[in-house]
Protein backbone atom coordinates (compact mmCIF):
# COMPACT_ATOMS: atom_id res chain seq x y z
CA MET A 1 -49.64 -12.13 -43.70
CA PRO A 2 -53.22 -14.91 -43.01
CA PRO A 3 -54.57 -16.58 -45.66
CA THR A 4 -57.11 -15.06 -47.35
CA ARG A 5 -60.80 -16.37 -47.52
CA ILE A 6 -60.09 -17.78 -50.72
CA GLU A 7 -56.76 -19.34 -49.47
CA ARG A 8 -58.43 -21.42 -46.72
CA TRP A 9 -60.46 -23.19 -48.99
CA ARG A 10 -57.10 -24.45 -50.65
CA SER A 11 -55.69 -25.48 -47.10
CA PRO A 12 -54.01 -29.04 -47.52
CA LEU A 13 -55.23 -29.59 -43.91
CA ILE A 14 -58.91 -28.93 -44.54
CA LEU A 15 -58.93 -31.22 -47.82
CA VAL A 16 -57.13 -34.31 -45.88
CA THR A 17 -59.84 -32.75 -42.49
CA LEU A 18 -62.77 -33.15 -45.45
CA GLY A 19 -61.57 -36.16 -46.75
CA ALA A 20 -61.16 -38.46 -43.82
CA LEU A 21 -64.37 -37.03 -42.12
CA LEU A 22 -66.09 -38.21 -45.64
CA PHE A 23 -64.53 -41.45 -45.28
CA ALA A 24 -65.55 -42.24 -41.81
CA LEU A 25 -69.35 -41.54 -42.89
CA LEU A 26 -69.06 -43.62 -46.28
CA SER A 27 -67.15 -46.32 -43.79
CA GLY A 28 -70.37 -45.91 -40.83
CA SER A 29 -72.80 -46.07 -43.69
CA VAL A 30 -71.21 -49.63 -45.03
CA LEU A 31 -71.85 -50.60 -41.20
CA LEU A 32 -75.18 -49.62 -40.84
CA PHE A 33 -76.89 -50.47 -44.59
CA PHE A 34 -75.47 -53.02 -45.48
CA GLY A 35 -75.77 -57.00 -44.05
CA MET A 36 -72.50 -59.13 -43.79
CA PRO A 37 -70.91 -61.99 -42.48
CA ARG A 38 -68.80 -61.10 -38.96
CA ALA A 39 -65.72 -61.56 -39.72
CA ARG A 40 -66.32 -58.94 -42.88
CA ARG A 41 -68.26 -57.05 -40.33
CA GLU A 42 -65.88 -57.01 -37.55
CA TYR A 43 -62.99 -55.97 -40.53
CA TRP A 44 -65.41 -52.77 -41.47
CA VAL A 45 -65.77 -51.73 -37.75
CA LEU A 46 -62.26 -51.43 -37.76
CA VAL A 47 -61.44 -49.81 -40.93
CA HIS A 48 -64.26 -47.02 -39.18
CA TRP A 49 -62.72 -46.55 -36.43
CA LEU A 50 -58.93 -46.64 -37.49
CA ALA A 51 -60.23 -43.95 -39.89
CA ALA A 52 -62.43 -42.05 -37.31
CA MET A 53 -59.37 -42.31 -35.10
CA ALA A 54 -56.84 -40.88 -38.07
CA ALA A 55 -59.55 -37.90 -38.65
CA LEU A 56 -59.53 -36.50 -35.23
CA VAL A 57 -55.85 -35.80 -35.65
CA PRO A 58 -56.37 -33.23 -38.30
CA TYR A 59 -59.88 -32.27 -37.47
CA ALA A 60 -58.43 -31.27 -33.64
CA LEU A 61 -55.67 -29.42 -35.43
CA TYR A 62 -58.06 -27.66 -37.99
CA GLN A 63 -60.13 -26.75 -34.64
CA TRP A 64 -57.98 -25.33 -33.07
CA ARG A 65 -56.23 -22.88 -35.77
CA HIS A 66 -59.77 -22.22 -36.43
CA TRP A 67 -61.06 -21.06 -33.65
CA GLN A 68 -58.18 -19.05 -32.62
CA ARG A 69 -58.95 -17.18 -35.44
CA VAL A 70 -62.74 -16.96 -35.40
CA ARG A 71 -63.70 -17.09 -31.63
CA GLU A 72 -64.29 -13.32 -31.22
CA HIS A 73 -66.76 -13.92 -33.80
CA ALA A 74 -68.84 -16.79 -32.21
CA ARG A 75 -72.32 -15.27 -32.58
CA LEU A 76 -72.54 -15.27 -36.35
CA THR A 77 -74.59 -18.17 -37.18
CA HIS A 78 -72.25 -20.16 -39.29
CA TYR A 79 -69.79 -20.08 -37.03
CA ARG A 80 -72.51 -21.11 -34.46
CA VAL A 81 -73.20 -23.65 -36.57
CA GLY A 82 -69.78 -25.21 -36.60
CA LEU A 83 -69.25 -25.07 -32.98
CA HIS A 84 -72.23 -26.76 -32.76
CA ALA A 85 -70.84 -29.27 -35.42
CA PHE A 86 -67.78 -30.04 -33.13
CA ILE A 87 -69.75 -30.54 -29.83
CA ILE A 88 -71.72 -32.97 -31.61
CA ILE A 89 -68.38 -34.61 -33.01
CA CYS A 90 -67.31 -35.03 -29.25
CA GLY A 91 -70.40 -36.82 -29.17
CA THR A 92 -69.76 -38.89 -31.48
CA VAL A 93 -66.36 -39.74 -30.48
CA LEU A 94 -67.75 -40.82 -27.09
CA THR A 95 -70.38 -43.07 -27.80
CA GLY A 96 -68.19 -44.79 -30.38
CA LEU A 97 -65.35 -45.44 -28.31
CA PRO A 98 -67.30 -47.91 -26.08
CA LEU A 99 -68.56 -49.81 -29.36
CA VAL A 100 -65.28 -50.85 -30.23
CA LEU A 101 -64.09 -51.33 -26.53
CA PRO A 102 -66.18 -52.38 -23.56
CA LEU A 103 -69.27 -53.09 -24.47
CA GLU A 104 -70.59 -56.71 -26.18
CA ALA A 105 -72.60 -56.31 -29.58
CA GLY A 106 -76.12 -57.31 -29.13
CA THR A 107 -76.49 -56.37 -25.87
CA ARG A 108 -79.05 -53.84 -24.95
CA ALA A 109 -76.28 -51.30 -24.04
CA TYR A 110 -74.65 -51.44 -27.07
CA THR A 111 -77.58 -51.39 -28.84
CA ILE A 112 -78.56 -47.70 -26.77
CA VAL A 113 -74.97 -46.30 -27.41
CA ASP A 114 -74.87 -47.59 -30.97
CA LEU A 115 -77.97 -45.92 -31.96
CA ALA A 116 -77.18 -42.56 -30.25
CA HIS A 117 -73.20 -42.62 -31.97
CA ILE A 118 -75.42 -43.23 -35.28
CA PHE A 119 -77.65 -40.23 -33.96
CA PHE A 120 -74.48 -37.88 -33.31
CA GLY A 121 -72.74 -38.90 -36.58
CA PHE A 122 -75.85 -38.30 -38.91
CA VAL A 123 -76.49 -34.65 -37.22
CA PHE A 124 -72.50 -34.16 -37.42
CA VAL A 125 -72.70 -34.69 -40.99
CA LEU A 126 -75.47 -32.08 -41.34
CA LEU A 127 -74.27 -29.50 -38.91
CA VAL A 128 -70.69 -29.75 -41.12
CA SER A 129 -72.75 -29.52 -44.22
CA ALA A 130 -74.92 -26.18 -43.13
CA HIS A 131 -71.54 -24.83 -41.87
CA LEU A 132 -69.33 -25.44 -45.08
CA THR A 133 -72.57 -24.67 -47.19
CA LEU A 134 -73.03 -21.36 -45.09
CA VAL A 135 -69.33 -20.39 -45.47
CA ALA A 136 -69.24 -20.94 -49.16
CA VAL A 137 -72.12 -18.93 -49.90
CA LEU A 138 -70.05 -15.68 -47.40
CA THR A 139 -66.76 -16.60 -49.15
CA VAL A 140 -68.51 -16.22 -52.92
CA THR A 141 -71.07 -12.68 -52.22
CA ARG A 142 -67.78 -11.14 -50.32
CA ALA A 143 -65.55 -11.79 -53.02
CA ALA A 144 -64.79 -8.12 -54.95
CA GLY A 145 -66.68 -9.45 -58.02
CA GLY A 146 -65.65 -10.86 -61.83
CA ASP A 147 -62.15 -13.05 -61.42
CA GLU A 148 -62.35 -13.00 -57.74
CA VAL A 149 -66.02 -14.64 -57.49
CA ARG A 150 -64.04 -16.78 -59.77
CA GLN A 151 -61.69 -18.16 -57.83
CA ALA A 152 -63.41 -18.25 -54.57
CA ARG A 153 -66.24 -20.59 -56.60
CA ALA A 154 -63.46 -22.62 -58.04
CA ALA A 155 -61.63 -22.92 -54.34
CA VAL A 156 -65.45 -24.11 -52.86
CA ARG A 157 -65.56 -27.00 -55.69
CA ARG A 158 -61.71 -27.80 -55.58
CA LEU A 159 -62.03 -28.59 -51.85
CA LEU A 160 -64.90 -30.80 -52.67
CA ILE A 161 -64.31 -32.87 -55.16
CA GLY A 162 -60.95 -33.29 -53.68
CA ALA A 163 -62.41 -34.01 -50.17
CA THR A 164 -64.42 -36.76 -52.13
CA LEU A 165 -61.94 -38.31 -53.96
CA VAL A 166 -59.80 -39.00 -51.06
CA ALA A 167 -62.91 -40.37 -49.37
CA LEU A 168 -64.28 -42.67 -52.58
CA ALA A 169 -60.12 -43.93 -52.61
CA GLY A 170 -60.71 -44.71 -49.44
CA LEU A 171 -63.28 -46.72 -49.75
CA VAL A 172 -62.44 -48.83 -53.06
CA ALA A 173 -58.65 -49.38 -50.78
CA ALA A 174 -61.03 -51.19 -47.78
CA ILE A 175 -63.26 -52.66 -50.30
CA THR A 176 -60.33 -54.33 -52.05
CA GLY A 177 -58.94 -55.10 -48.33
CA SER A 178 -61.40 -57.04 -47.27
């Protein structure tokens, strides 16, 4: 029997995926907002890149399984927002790869690609946040009432807290390693 809406919020795969994506956001924000010496910056670029690439594995697996289940409902707003988030993360990856491979920092091309990467990254965060909010509201409002509503709220809350703790643990490890 397929998992219920509430059980899907408890999936270890979504916990790992959201935690890794949140860590990628935090490590990318460190690069964007904090000035640092070249060696430390290179360390953070590597941490951000490795975390983002590692996040893509569970994200791709989750998206494949998720799409198989919801594709016939793709016209519904919350699924369309999620689909747009997927398209935007593709842009994030495509603009992130040249930043660590062929482009030389400080060039005009690097700056343009870097700005596009930042744009795609933050738009992805906004779209995923909107998608999760819409799905969470639907999960809670479609609950049968009483105990099921409490379970739905608790599942959503546990996922968000768990993903945050996964991301913060990664950030602490990265900071202490630098």
